[in-house]
Amino acid sequence: MIHKPAGILVSGNRFKTVANALAQNIKRSKLPDATAPQPVHRLDYATTGILLVGKTSSSIRALNKMFENKELKKTYYAVTIGEMDAQGKITSEVDGKKSQSNYTLCGSVPSERFGKLNLVQLEPQTGRRHQLRKHLSNIGNPVLGDKEYGIENLILNGKGLYLHAYSLKFIHPFTNEEIHLKDDFPQRFKKIFTQIKK
């Protein structure tokens, strides 16, 4: 597991990607099927947080399959704009495909510029591209700093996207133990919500 910073692609045709940086920054596995470390899922360019990396051919295959079969529980946090229900289920289609994101409101603070800012826990049940951002935008509560799906006069520039991949929970494919990985909240979340202890 590694922490992915904002503003870097997980993989792709660019030189500066997480995938390209892993070989120099992660110890190679000592197992016989060791391979170059590589991410087993993706996070958006602007999203921070937890990224799972495989270091052997068998672990990469097993983890890819677990992601495909939705055997990992992913939890994200976002700072959203506007009045929100205490919890909800968003089921609007993303790119013509069935999608579902569940959310729980964890706290709100008044904001002069945005009216209200909310700390929201998100659990995507499907894994569409930009799903959480699109879903929150669809219900009128875009993620703070979202230039693509935000409300035009309420776009926060220069601070990045307030969407963080916080935790992954799954059963280890080889040892069968329950794994619960967490990546601490970014400082900019804590500045808005001073009660965050996580």
N, C-alpha and C. Protein backbone atom coordinates (compact mmCIF):
# COMPACT_ATOMS: atom_id res chain seq x y z
N MET A 1 0.84 -1.18 0.00
CA MET A 1 0.00 0.00 0.00
C MET A 1 0.88 1.24 0.00
N ILE A 2 0.50 2.22 -0.82
CA ILE A 2 1.22 3.49 -0.82
C ILE A 2 0.22 4.64 -0.73
N HIS A 3 0.73 5.82 -0.41
CA HIS A 3 -0.10 7.03 -0.42
C HIS A 3 0.08 7.69 -1.79
N LYS A 4 -1.04 7.91 -2.48
CA LYS A 4 -0.97 8.60 -3.76
C LYS A 4 -1.22 10.08 -3.54
N PRO A 5 -0.27 10.94 -3.96
CA PRO A 5 -0.52 12.38 -3.84
C PRO A 5 -1.45 12.85 -4.97
N ALA A 6 -1.98 14.04 -4.82
CA ALA A 6 -2.81 14.63 -5.88
C ALA A 6 -1.91 15.04 -7.04
N GLY A 7 -2.50 15.12 -8.23
CA GLY A 7 -1.78 15.68 -9.37
C GLY A 7 -0.78 14.76 -10.01
N ILE A 8 -0.98 13.45 -9.84
CA ILE A 8 -0.10 12.50 -10.53
C ILE A 8 -0.96 11.33 -11.00
N LEU A 9 -0.74 10.89 -12.24
CA LEU A 9 -1.50 9.77 -12.78
C LEU A 9 -1.00 8.47 -12.17
N VAL A 10 -1.91 7.51 -12.00
CA VAL A 10 -1.51 6.20 -11.50
C VAL A 10 -0.69 5.48 -12.56
N SER A 11 -1.17 5.52 -13.80
CA SER A 11 -0.43 4.90 -14.91
C SER A 11 -0.83 5.58 -16.20
N GLY A 12 -0.16 5.22 -17.28
CA GLY A 12 -0.50 5.83 -18.57
C GLY A 12 0.74 6.15 -19.37
N ASN A 13 0.58 6.99 -20.38
CA ASN A 13 1.67 7.26 -21.31
C ASN A 13 2.63 8.35 -20.87
N ARG A 14 2.42 8.90 -19.71
CA ARG A 14 3.32 9.96 -19.26
C ARG A 14 4.50 9.36 -18.51
N PHE A 15 5.57 10.12 -18.45
CA PHE A 15 6.75 9.66 -17.71
C PHE A 15 6.46 9.69 -16.21
N LYS A 16 5.82 10.78 -15.77
CA LYS A 16 5.59 10.96 -14.33
C LYS A 16 4.28 10.28 -13.92
N THR A 17 4.37 9.00 -13.58
CA THR A 17 3.20 8.26 -13.09
C THR A 17 3.62 7.49 -11.84
N VAL A 18 2.62 7.10 -11.05
CA VAL A 18 2.91 6.29 -9.87
C VAL A 18 3.57 4.98 -10.31
N ALA A 19 3.02 4.35 -11.35
CA ALA A 19 3.55 3.06 -11.82
C ALA A 19 5.05 3.16 -12.14
N ASN A 20 5.46 4.25 -12.80
CA ASN A 20 6.87 4.42 -13.16
C ASN A 20 7.76 4.67 -11.95
N ALA A 21 7.21 5.26 -10.91
CA ALA A 21 8.02 5.60 -9.73
C ALA A 21 8.19 4.42 -8.76
N LEU A 22 7.34 3.42 -8.88
CA LEU A 22 7.35 2.34 -7.88
C LEU A 22 8.66 1.57 -7.81
N ALA A 23 9.21 1.21 -8.96
CA ALA A 23 10.42 0.37 -8.97
C ALA A 23 11.56 0.98 -8.17
N GLN A 24 11.68 2.31 -8.20
CA GLN A 24 12.77 2.97 -7.46
C GLN A 24 12.43 3.19 -5.98
N ASN A 25 11.16 3.08 -5.65
CA ASN A 25 10.75 3.47 -4.29
C ASN A 25 10.21 2.33 -3.43
N ILE A 26 10.04 1.18 -4.00
CA ILE A 26 9.50 0.06 -3.22
C ILE A 26 10.45 -1.12 -3.32
N LYS A 27 10.68 -1.79 -2.20
CA LYS A 27 11.54 -2.98 -2.20
C LYS A 27 10.90 -4.08 -3.02
N ARG A 28 11.70 -4.73 -3.83
CA ARG A 28 11.22 -5.83 -4.65
C ARG A 28 10.94 -7.04 -3.76
N SER A 29 9.95 -7.80 -4.13
CA SER A 29 9.61 -9.01 -3.38
C SER A 29 10.73 -10.05 -3.52
N LYS A 30 10.88 -10.90 -2.49
CA LYS A 30 11.89 -11.96 -2.56
C LYS A 30 11.27 -13.29 -3.02
N LEU A 31 9.97 -13.26 -3.30
CA LEU A 31 9.30 -14.49 -3.74
C LEU A 31 9.68 -14.84 -5.17
N PRO A 32 9.58 -16.13 -5.54
CA PRO A 32 10.02 -16.55 -6.88
C PRO A 32 9.29 -15.86 -8.03
N ASP A 33 8.00 -15.49 -7.84
CA ASP A 33 7.29 -14.85 -8.95
C ASP A 33 7.30 -13.31 -8.83
N ALA A 34 8.35 -12.79 -8.20
CA ALA A 34 8.48 -11.33 -8.04
C ALA A 34 8.47 -10.65 -9.41
N THR A 35 7.84 -9.50 -9.44
CA THR A 35 7.79 -8.72 -10.68
C THR A 35 7.91 -7.24 -10.32
N ALA A 36 8.01 -6.40 -11.31
CA ALA A 36 8.07 -4.95 -11.02
C ALA A 36 6.79 -4.57 -10.29
N PRO A 37 6.90 -3.84 -9.17
CA PRO A 37 5.69 -3.46 -8.43
C PRO A 37 4.75 -2.66 -9.32
N GLN A 38 3.45 -2.96 -9.23
CA GLN A 38 2.50 -2.18 -10.02
C GLN A 38 1.17 -2.00 -9.31
N PRO A 39 0.51 -0.85 -9.54
CA PRO A 39 -0.79 -0.60 -8.92
C PRO A 39 -1.81 -1.61 -9.44
N VAL A 40 -2.73 -2.04 -8.56
CA VAL A 40 -3.74 -3.01 -8.99
C VAL A 40 -5.12 -2.36 -9.19
N HIS A 41 -5.18 -1.04 -9.01
CA HIS A 41 -6.42 -0.30 -9.31
C HIS A 41 -6.02 1.14 -9.60
N ARG A 42 -6.99 2.00 -9.86
CA ARG A 42 -6.68 3.39 -10.22
C ARG A 42 -7.35 4.37 -9.28
N LEU A 43 -6.75 5.52 -9.16
CA LEU A 43 -7.39 6.67 -8.51
C LEU A 43 -7.29 7.82 -9.52
N ASP A 44 -8.26 8.71 -9.49
CA ASP A 44 -8.21 9.88 -10.37
C ASP A 44 -6.94 10.67 -10.15
N TYR A 45 -6.53 11.36 -11.18
CA TYR A 45 -5.37 12.26 -11.17
C TYR A 45 -5.38 13.17 -9.94
N ALA A 46 -6.55 13.74 -9.64
CA ALA A 46 -6.64 14.75 -8.58
C ALA A 46 -6.95 14.17 -7.20
N THR A 47 -7.22 12.86 -7.13
CA THR A 47 -7.59 12.23 -5.86
C THR A 47 -6.34 11.81 -5.08
N THR A 48 -6.39 12.01 -3.77
CA THR A 48 -5.30 11.56 -2.90
C THR A 48 -5.74 10.24 -2.25
N GLY A 49 -4.77 9.55 -1.64
CA GLY A 49 -5.15 8.43 -0.79
C GLY A 49 -4.50 7.11 -1.08
N ILE A 50 -5.16 6.07 -0.61
CA ILE A 50 -4.61 4.74 -0.54
C ILE A 50 -4.61 4.06 -1.92
N LEU A 51 -3.48 3.51 -2.26
CA LEU A 51 -3.35 2.81 -3.54
C LEU A 51 -2.68 1.47 -3.26
N LEU A 52 -3.31 0.41 -3.71
CA LEU A 52 -2.80 -0.93 -3.46
C LEU A 52 -1.85 -1.33 -4.59
N VAL A 53 -0.71 -1.89 -4.19
CA VAL A 53 0.33 -2.25 -5.16
C VAL A 53 0.66 -3.73 -5.00
N GLY A 54 0.81 -4.42 -6.14
CA GLY A 54 1.22 -5.83 -6.11
C GLY A 54 2.69 -5.96 -6.47
N LYS A 55 3.38 -6.91 -5.81
CA LYS A 55 4.83 -7.08 -6.09
C LYS A 55 5.16 -8.44 -6.67
N THR A 56 4.15 -9.32 -6.78
CA THR A 56 4.37 -10.62 -7.41
C THR A 56 3.28 -10.85 -8.45
N SER A 57 3.57 -11.68 -9.44
CA SER A 57 2.58 -11.96 -10.50
C SER A 57 1.30 -12.52 -9.89
N SER A 58 1.44 -13.45 -8.93
CA SER A 58 0.25 -14.08 -8.35
C SER A 58 -0.58 -13.08 -7.53
N SER A 59 0.09 -12.18 -6.80
CA SER A 59 -0.68 -11.21 -5.99
C SER A 59 -1.38 -10.20 -6.90
N ILE A 60 -0.72 -9.78 -7.98
CA ILE A 60 -1.35 -8.83 -8.91
C ILE A 60 -2.60 -9.46 -9.53
N ARG A 61 -2.46 -10.73 -9.97
CA ARG A 61 -3.61 -11.44 -10.55
C ARG A 61 -4.74 -11.57 -9.54
N ALA A 62 -4.39 -12.01 -8.32
CA ALA A 62 -5.42 -12.23 -7.28
C ALA A 62 -6.12 -10.92 -6.92
N LEU A 63 -5.35 -9.86 -6.76
CA LEU A 63 -5.95 -8.56 -6.38
C LEU A 63 -6.79 -7.98 -7.51
N ASN A 64 -6.32 -8.13 -8.75
CA ASN A 64 -7.13 -7.67 -9.89
C ASN A 64 -8.48 -8.36 -9.91
N LYS A 65 -8.45 -9.67 -9.66
CA LYS A 65 -9.69 -10.46 -9.65
C LYS A 65 -10.61 -10.00 -8.51
N MET A 66 -10.02 -9.71 -7.36
CA MET A 66 -10.82 -9.25 -6.22
C MET A 66 -11.49 -7.90 -6.52
N PHE A 67 -10.77 -7.02 -7.19
CA PHE A 67 -11.37 -5.74 -7.58
C PHE A 67 -12.51 -5.97 -8.58
N GLU A 68 -12.27 -6.85 -9.55
CA GLU A 68 -13.32 -7.18 -10.55
C GLU A 68 -14.56 -7.73 -9.87
N ASN A 69 -14.36 -8.61 -8.89
CA ASN A 69 -15.49 -9.26 -8.20
C ASN A 69 -16.04 -8.42 -7.04
N LYS A 70 -15.53 -7.21 -6.90
CA LYS A 70 -15.98 -6.28 -5.83
C LYS A 70 -15.85 -6.91 -4.44
N GLU A 71 -14.70 -7.53 -4.19
CA GLU A 71 -14.47 -8.18 -2.90
C GLU A 71 -13.70 -7.28 -1.93
N LEU A 72 -13.47 -6.04 -2.33
CA LEU A 72 -12.78 -5.10 -1.45
C LEU A 72 -13.77 -4.00 -1.08
N LYS A 73 -13.76 -3.62 0.17
CA LYS A 73 -14.63 -2.53 0.59
C LYS A 73 -13.80 -1.24 0.58
N LYS A 74 -14.22 -0.30 -0.29
CA LYS A 74 -13.48 0.97 -0.42
C LYS A 74 -14.24 2.07 0.30
N THR A 75 -13.52 2.87 1.07
CA THR A 75 -14.14 4.02 1.74
C THR A 75 -13.37 5.28 1.36
N TYR A 76 -14.11 6.26 0.91
CA TYR A 76 -13.55 7.56 0.55
C TYR A 76 -14.15 8.62 1.46
N TYR A 77 -13.48 9.74 1.55
CA TYR A 77 -14.08 10.92 2.19
C TYR A 77 -13.97 12.08 1.21
N ALA A 78 -14.98 12.93 1.25
CA ALA A 78 -14.97 14.12 0.40
C ALA A 78 -15.48 15.30 1.20
N VAL A 79 -15.06 16.48 0.77
CA VAL A 79 -15.68 17.71 1.28
C VAL A 79 -16.62 18.15 0.17
N THR A 80 -17.91 18.28 0.51
CA THR A 80 -18.90 18.66 -0.49
C THR A 80 -19.53 20.01 -0.14
N ILE A 81 -20.21 20.57 -1.12
CA ILE A 81 -20.82 21.89 -0.98
C ILE A 81 -22.33 21.76 -0.87
N GLY A 82 -22.95 22.53 0.03
CA GLY A 82 -24.41 22.63 0.09
C GLY A 82 -25.07 21.78 1.15
N GLU A 83 -26.38 21.94 1.26
CA GLU A 83 -27.21 21.23 2.23
C GLU A 83 -27.33 19.76 1.80
N MET A 84 -27.14 18.83 2.75
CA MET A 84 -27.22 17.40 2.41
C MET A 84 -28.03 16.62 3.43
N ASP A 85 -28.65 15.52 2.98
CA ASP A 85 -29.32 14.61 3.91
C ASP A 85 -28.26 13.89 4.74
N ALA A 86 -28.69 13.33 5.87
CA ALA A 86 -27.75 12.64 6.77
C ALA A 86 -27.11 11.44 6.10
N GLN A 87 -27.87 10.78 5.24
CA GLN A 87 -27.28 9.70 4.45
C GLN A 87 -28.11 9.46 3.21
N GLY A 88 -27.52 8.73 2.27
CA GLY A 88 -28.26 8.50 1.04
C GLY A 88 -27.58 7.48 0.15
N LYS A 89 -28.34 7.11 -0.87
CA LYS A 89 -27.86 6.16 -1.86
C LYS A 89 -28.05 6.86 -3.21
N ILE A 90 -26.98 6.98 -3.99
CA ILE A 90 -27.07 7.63 -5.30
C ILE A 90 -26.95 6.54 -6.35
N THR A 91 -27.95 6.47 -7.25
CA THR A 91 -27.97 5.36 -8.20
C THR A 91 -28.05 5.83 -9.66
N SER A 92 -27.75 7.10 -9.92
CA SER A 92 -27.82 7.57 -11.30
C SER A 92 -26.74 6.85 -12.13
N GLU A 93 -27.07 6.60 -13.40
CA GLU A 93 -26.13 5.90 -14.27
C GLU A 93 -24.90 6.75 -14.53
N VAL A 94 -23.77 6.09 -14.70
CA VAL A 94 -22.53 6.78 -15.08
C VAL A 94 -22.08 6.18 -16.40
N ASP A 95 -21.97 7.03 -17.41
CA ASP A 95 -21.61 6.58 -18.77
C ASP A 95 -22.53 5.46 -19.25
N GLY A 96 -23.81 5.61 -18.95
CA GLY A 96 -24.79 4.63 -19.42
C GLY A 96 -24.78 3.31 -18.69
N LYS A 97 -24.02 3.24 -17.57
CA LYS A 97 -23.94 1.97 -16.82
C LYS A 97 -24.52 2.15 -15.43
N LYS A 98 -25.11 1.07 -14.91
CA LYS A 98 -25.65 1.10 -13.55
C LYS A 98 -24.54 1.41 -12.57
N SER A 99 -24.83 2.29 -11.61
CA SER A 99 -23.82 2.70 -10.64
C SER A 99 -24.50 2.97 -9.31
N GLN A 100 -23.74 2.76 -8.24
CA GLN A 100 -24.28 3.09 -6.92
C GLN A 100 -23.18 3.57 -5.99
N SER A 101 -23.48 4.67 -5.31
CA SER A 101 -22.59 5.20 -4.26
C SER A 101 -23.45 5.46 -3.03
N ASN A 102 -22.99 5.00 -1.87
CA ASN A 102 -23.68 5.28 -0.62
C ASN A 102 -22.90 6.35 0.14
N TYR A 103 -23.62 7.26 0.80
CA TYR A 103 -22.90 8.29 1.55
C TYR A 103 -23.49 8.49 2.93
N THR A 104 -22.63 8.94 3.85
CA THR A 104 -23.04 9.29 5.21
C THR A 104 -22.42 10.64 5.52
N LEU A 105 -23.25 11.55 5.99
CA LEU A 105 -22.78 12.88 6.37
C LEU A 105 -22.12 12.79 7.75
N CYS A 106 -20.86 13.21 7.85
CA CYS A 106 -20.13 13.09 9.13
C CYS A 106 -20.08 14.41 9.89
N GLY A 107 -20.27 15.52 9.19
CA GLY A 107 -20.22 16.82 9.85
C GLY A 107 -20.35 17.92 8.82
N SER A 108 -20.79 19.09 9.29
CA SER A 108 -20.93 20.24 8.40
C SER A 108 -20.44 21.49 9.12
N VAL A 109 -19.90 22.42 8.35
CA VAL A 109 -19.52 23.72 8.91
C VAL A 109 -20.06 24.81 7.98
N PRO A 110 -20.50 25.94 8.59
CA PRO A 110 -20.96 27.04 7.74
C PRO A 110 -19.78 27.64 6.98
N SER A 111 -20.04 28.13 5.79
CA SER A 111 -18.99 28.74 4.98
C SER A 111 -19.55 29.99 4.32
N GLU A 112 -18.79 31.07 4.45
CA GLU A 112 -19.23 32.34 3.87
C GLU A 112 -19.40 32.21 2.36
N ARG A 113 -18.44 31.58 1.72
CA ARG A 113 -18.46 31.51 0.26
C ARG A 113 -19.37 30.40 -0.28
N PHE A 114 -19.39 29.25 0.43
CA PHE A 114 -20.09 28.08 -0.12
C PHE A 114 -21.41 27.78 0.60
N GLY A 115 -21.77 28.57 1.60
CA GLY A 115 -23.00 28.30 2.36
C GLY A 115 -22.74 27.25 3.42
N LYS A 116 -22.43 26.05 2.96
CA LYS A 116 -22.15 24.96 3.90
C LYS A 116 -21.14 24.01 3.26
N LEU A 117 -20.18 23.55 4.08
CA LEU A 117 -19.24 22.53 3.63
C LEU A 117 -19.47 21.29 4.49
N ASN A 118 -19.47 20.13 3.83
CA ASN A 118 -19.76 18.88 4.53
C ASN A 118 -18.60 17.91 4.42
N LEU A 119 -18.39 17.16 5.49
CA LEU A 119 -17.46 16.04 5.44
C LEU A 119 -18.33 14.79 5.24
N VAL A 120 -18.10 14.09 4.12
CA VAL A 120 -18.97 12.98 3.74
C VAL A 120 -18.15 11.71 3.56
N GLN A 121 -18.64 10.63 4.17
CA GLN A 121 -18.03 9.32 3.96
C GLN A 121 -18.73 8.67 2.78
N LEU A 122 -17.94 8.12 1.86
CA LEU A 122 -18.50 7.56 0.63
C LEU A 122 -18.09 6.10 0.46
N GLU A 123 -19.05 5.29 0.06
CA GLU A 123 -18.75 3.89 -0.21
C GLU A 123 -19.28 3.53 -1.60
N PRO A 124 -18.39 3.55 -2.60
CA PRO A 124 -18.86 3.20 -3.94
C PRO A 124 -19.14 1.70 -4.03
N GLN A 125 -20.29 1.34 -4.59
CA GLN A 125 -20.65 -0.06 -4.73
C GLN A 125 -20.26 -0.58 -6.12
N THR A 126 -20.00 0.37 -7.03
CA THR A 126 -19.52 0.04 -8.37
C THR A 126 -18.29 0.91 -8.61
N GLY A 127 -17.57 0.67 -9.69
CA GLY A 127 -16.31 1.39 -9.89
C GLY A 127 -16.21 2.10 -11.23
N ARG A 128 -17.16 2.98 -11.52
CA ARG A 128 -17.13 3.71 -12.79
C ARG A 128 -16.15 4.88 -12.71
N ARG A 129 -15.69 5.31 -13.88
CA ARG A 129 -14.74 6.43 -13.95
C ARG A 129 -15.42 7.71 -13.43
N HIS A 130 -14.78 8.38 -12.49
CA HIS A 130 -15.28 9.62 -11.88
C HIS A 130 -16.65 9.43 -11.20
N GLN A 131 -16.96 8.20 -10.82
CA GLN A 131 -18.28 7.90 -10.27
C GLN A 131 -18.67 8.79 -9.09
N LEU A 132 -17.82 8.86 -8.07
CA LEU A 132 -18.19 9.62 -6.87
C LEU A 132 -18.39 11.10 -7.20
N ARG A 133 -17.49 11.63 -8.02
CA ARG A 133 -17.59 13.05 -8.39
C ARG A 133 -18.87 13.32 -9.17
N LYS A 134 -19.20 12.44 -10.11
CA LYS A 134 -20.42 12.61 -10.92
C LYS A 134 -21.66 12.45 -10.05
N HIS A 135 -21.66 11.43 -9.19
CA HIS A 135 -22.82 11.20 -8.34
C HIS A 135 -23.10 12.37 -7.41
N LEU A 136 -22.06 12.89 -6.77
CA LEU A 136 -22.26 14.01 -5.85
C LEU A 136 -22.72 15.26 -6.61
N SER A 137 -22.18 15.46 -7.79
CA SER A 137 -22.60 16.58 -8.63
C SER A 137 -24.07 16.43 -9.02
N ASN A 138 -24.48 15.19 -9.36
CA ASN A 138 -25.87 14.92 -9.76
C ASN A 138 -26.88 15.27 -8.68
N ILE A 139 -26.50 15.11 -7.41
CA ILE A 139 -27.46 15.45 -6.34
C ILE A 139 -27.29 16.89 -5.85
N GLY A 140 -26.46 17.65 -6.57
CA GLY A 140 -26.31 19.08 -6.24
C GLY A 140 -25.32 19.36 -5.13
N ASN A 141 -24.46 18.39 -4.80
CA ASN A 141 -23.45 18.56 -3.75
C ASN A 141 -22.06 18.21 -4.28
N PRO A 142 -21.55 19.00 -5.22
CA PRO A 142 -20.26 18.65 -5.82
C PRO A 142 -19.12 18.67 -4.80
N VAL A 143 -18.05 17.93 -5.15
CA VAL A 143 -16.85 17.90 -4.31
C VAL A 143 -16.17 19.26 -4.41
N LEU A 144 -15.74 19.78 -3.28
CA LEU A 144 -15.02 21.05 -3.24
C LEU A 144 -13.77 20.95 -4.12
N GLY A 145 -13.56 21.92 -4.98
CA GLY A 145 -12.38 21.94 -5.83
C GLY A 145 -12.53 21.15 -7.12
N ASP A 146 -13.74 20.64 -7.41
CA ASP A 146 -13.94 19.86 -8.63
C ASP A 146 -14.21 20.79 -9.81
N LYS A 147 -13.19 20.95 -10.64
CA LYS A 147 -13.31 21.87 -11.79
C LYS A 147 -14.18 21.28 -12.90
N GLU A 148 -14.26 19.94 -12.95
CA GLU A 148 -14.99 19.29 -14.04
C GLU A 148 -16.49 19.18 -13.76
N TYR A 149 -16.84 18.86 -12.52
CA TYR A 149 -18.26 18.61 -12.21
C TYR A 149 -18.81 19.58 -11.16
N GLY A 150 -18.07 20.64 -10.89
CA GLY A 150 -18.50 21.59 -9.87
C GLY A 150 -19.52 22.60 -10.39
N ILE A 151 -19.98 23.46 -9.49
CA ILE A 151 -20.91 24.53 -9.86
C ILE A 151 -20.05 25.74 -10.22
N GLU A 152 -20.28 26.28 -11.41
CA GLU A 152 -19.36 27.27 -11.98
C GLU A 152 -18.86 28.36 -11.04
N ASN A 153 -19.74 29.09 -10.38
CA ASN A 153 -19.26 30.20 -9.54
C ASN A 153 -18.77 29.74 -8.17
N LEU A 154 -18.81 28.41 -7.92
CA LEU A 154 -18.36 27.88 -6.62
C LEU A 154 -17.14 26.98 -6.75
N ILE A 155 -16.33 27.22 -7.77
CA ILE A 155 -15.15 26.37 -7.94
C ILE A 155 -13.97 26.98 -7.20
N LEU A 156 -13.38 26.17 -6.35
CA LEU A 156 -12.25 26.61 -5.56
C LEU A 156 -10.99 26.32 -6.37
N ASN A 157 -10.25 27.35 -6.70
CA ASN A 157 -9.06 27.14 -7.52
C ASN A 157 -7.80 27.03 -6.68
N GLY A 158 -6.87 26.22 -7.14
CA GLY A 158 -5.54 26.18 -6.52
C GLY A 158 -5.40 25.33 -5.29
N LYS A 159 -6.47 24.72 -4.80
CA LYS A 159 -6.37 23.91 -3.58
C LYS A 159 -6.53 22.42 -3.88
N GLY A 160 -6.85 22.10 -5.13
CA GLY A 160 -7.02 20.70 -5.49
C GLY A 160 -8.42 20.19 -5.20
N LEU A 161 -8.59 18.91 -5.45
CA LEU A 161 -9.87 18.23 -5.28
C LEU A 161 -9.94 17.64 -3.86
N TYR A 162 -11.03 17.91 -3.18
CA TYR A 162 -11.19 17.42 -1.80
C TYR A 162 -11.86 16.04 -1.81
N LEU A 163 -11.15 15.07 -2.39
CA LEU A 163 -11.62 13.69 -2.43
C LEU A 163 -10.43 12.81 -2.05
N HIS A 164 -10.65 11.97 -1.04
CA HIS A 164 -9.54 11.19 -0.48
C HIS A 164 -9.94 9.72 -0.34
N ALA A 165 -9.14 8.83 -0.92
CA ALA A 165 -9.35 7.39 -0.76
C ALA A 165 -8.80 7.01 0.62
N TYR A 166 -9.69 6.79 1.57
CA TYR A 166 -9.29 6.67 2.97
C TYR A 166 -8.92 5.24 3.38
N SER A 167 -9.74 4.25 2.97
CA SER A 167 -9.42 2.90 3.45
C SER A 167 -9.84 1.80 2.48
N LEU A 168 -9.19 0.66 2.65
CA LEU A 168 -9.50 -0.56 1.90
C LEU A 168 -9.58 -1.71 2.89
N LYS A 169 -10.64 -2.50 2.76
CA LYS A 169 -10.81 -3.65 3.65
C LYS A 169 -11.02 -4.88 2.77
N PHE A 170 -10.26 -5.94 3.03
CA PHE A 170 -10.41 -7.15 2.22
C PHE A 170 -9.79 -8.34 2.94
N ILE A 171 -10.11 -9.51 2.44
CA ILE A 171 -9.50 -10.73 2.96
C ILE A 171 -8.27 -11.01 2.10
N HIS A 172 -7.11 -11.16 2.74
CA HIS A 172 -5.86 -11.40 2.01
C HIS A 172 -6.01 -12.66 1.16
N PRO A 173 -5.69 -12.56 -0.15
CA PRO A 173 -5.92 -13.71 -1.04
C PRO A 173 -5.11 -14.96 -0.70
N PHE A 174 -4.02 -14.82 0.04
CA PHE A 174 -3.18 -16.00 0.33
C PHE A 174 -3.20 -16.42 1.80
N THR A 175 -3.30 -15.45 2.71
CA THR A 175 -3.26 -15.80 4.14
C THR A 175 -4.65 -15.88 4.76
N ASN A 176 -5.66 -15.37 4.03
CA ASN A 176 -7.05 -15.34 4.51
C ASN A 176 -7.28 -14.44 5.72
N GLU A 177 -6.28 -13.63 6.09
CA GLU A 177 -6.53 -12.73 7.22
C GLU A 177 -7.24 -11.47 6.72
N GLU A 178 -8.00 -10.85 7.63
CA GLU A 178 -8.68 -9.62 7.23
C GLU A 178 -7.68 -8.47 7.27
N ILE A 179 -7.60 -7.73 6.18
CA ILE A 179 -6.68 -6.60 6.07
C ILE A 179 -7.51 -5.33 6.05
N HIS A 180 -7.12 -4.37 6.87
CA HIS A 180 -7.81 -3.07 6.87
C HIS A 180 -6.73 -1.98 6.79
N LEU A 181 -6.58 -1.40 5.61
CA LEU A 181 -5.55 -0.38 5.39
C LEU A 181 -6.18 1.00 5.41
N LYS A 182 -5.49 1.96 6.03
CA LYS A 182 -6.01 3.33 6.09
C LYS A 182 -4.93 4.32 5.70
N ASP A 183 -5.36 5.44 5.12
CA ASP A 183 -4.45 6.53 4.78
C ASP A 183 -5.02 7.79 5.41
N ASP A 184 -4.29 8.35 6.34
CA ASP A 184 -4.75 9.50 7.12
C ASP A 184 -5.31 10.64 6.26
N PHE A 185 -6.21 11.42 6.86
CA PHE A 185 -6.79 12.57 6.16
C PHE A 185 -5.72 13.60 5.79
N PRO A 186 -5.85 14.19 4.61
CA PRO A 186 -4.93 15.27 4.25
C PRO A 186 -5.13 16.46 5.19
N GLN A 187 -4.07 17.22 5.37
CA GLN A 187 -4.09 18.39 6.24
C GLN A 187 -5.21 19.37 5.86
N ARG A 188 -5.45 19.53 4.56
CA ARG A 188 -6.46 20.52 4.14
C ARG A 188 -7.87 20.13 4.56
N PHE A 189 -8.13 18.82 4.76
CA PHE A 189 -9.42 18.38 5.31
C PHE A 189 -9.50 18.80 6.77
N LYS A 190 -8.38 18.57 7.49
CA LYS A 190 -8.35 18.86 8.92
C LYS A 190 -8.48 20.36 9.21
N LYS A 191 -8.05 21.19 8.27
CA LYS A 191 -8.17 22.63 8.45
C LYS A 191 -9.63 23.07 8.45
N ILE A 192 -10.44 22.40 7.63
CA ILE A 192 -11.87 22.76 7.56
C ILE A 192 -12.64 22.10 8.71
N PHE A 193 -12.34 20.83 8.95
CA PHE A 193 -13.05 20.08 10.00
C PHE A 193 -12.09 19.79 11.12
N THR A 194 -12.01 20.70 12.05
CA THR A 194 -11.00 20.60 13.12
C THR A 194 -11.27 19.42 14.05
N GLN A 195 -12.51 18.87 14.00
CA GLN A 195 -12.83 17.74 14.90
C GLN A 195 -12.29 16.41 14.38
N ILE A 196 -11.74 16.38 13.15
CA ILE A 196 -11.23 15.11 12.60
C ILE A 196 -10.04 14.62 13.43
N LYS A 197 -10.19 13.41 13.93
CA LYS A 197 -9.11 12.83 14.72
C LYS A 197 -8.40 11.73 13.92
N LYS A 198 -9.06 11.27 12.83
CA LYS A 198 -8.56 10.09 12.08
C LYS A 198 -7.26 10.38 11.39
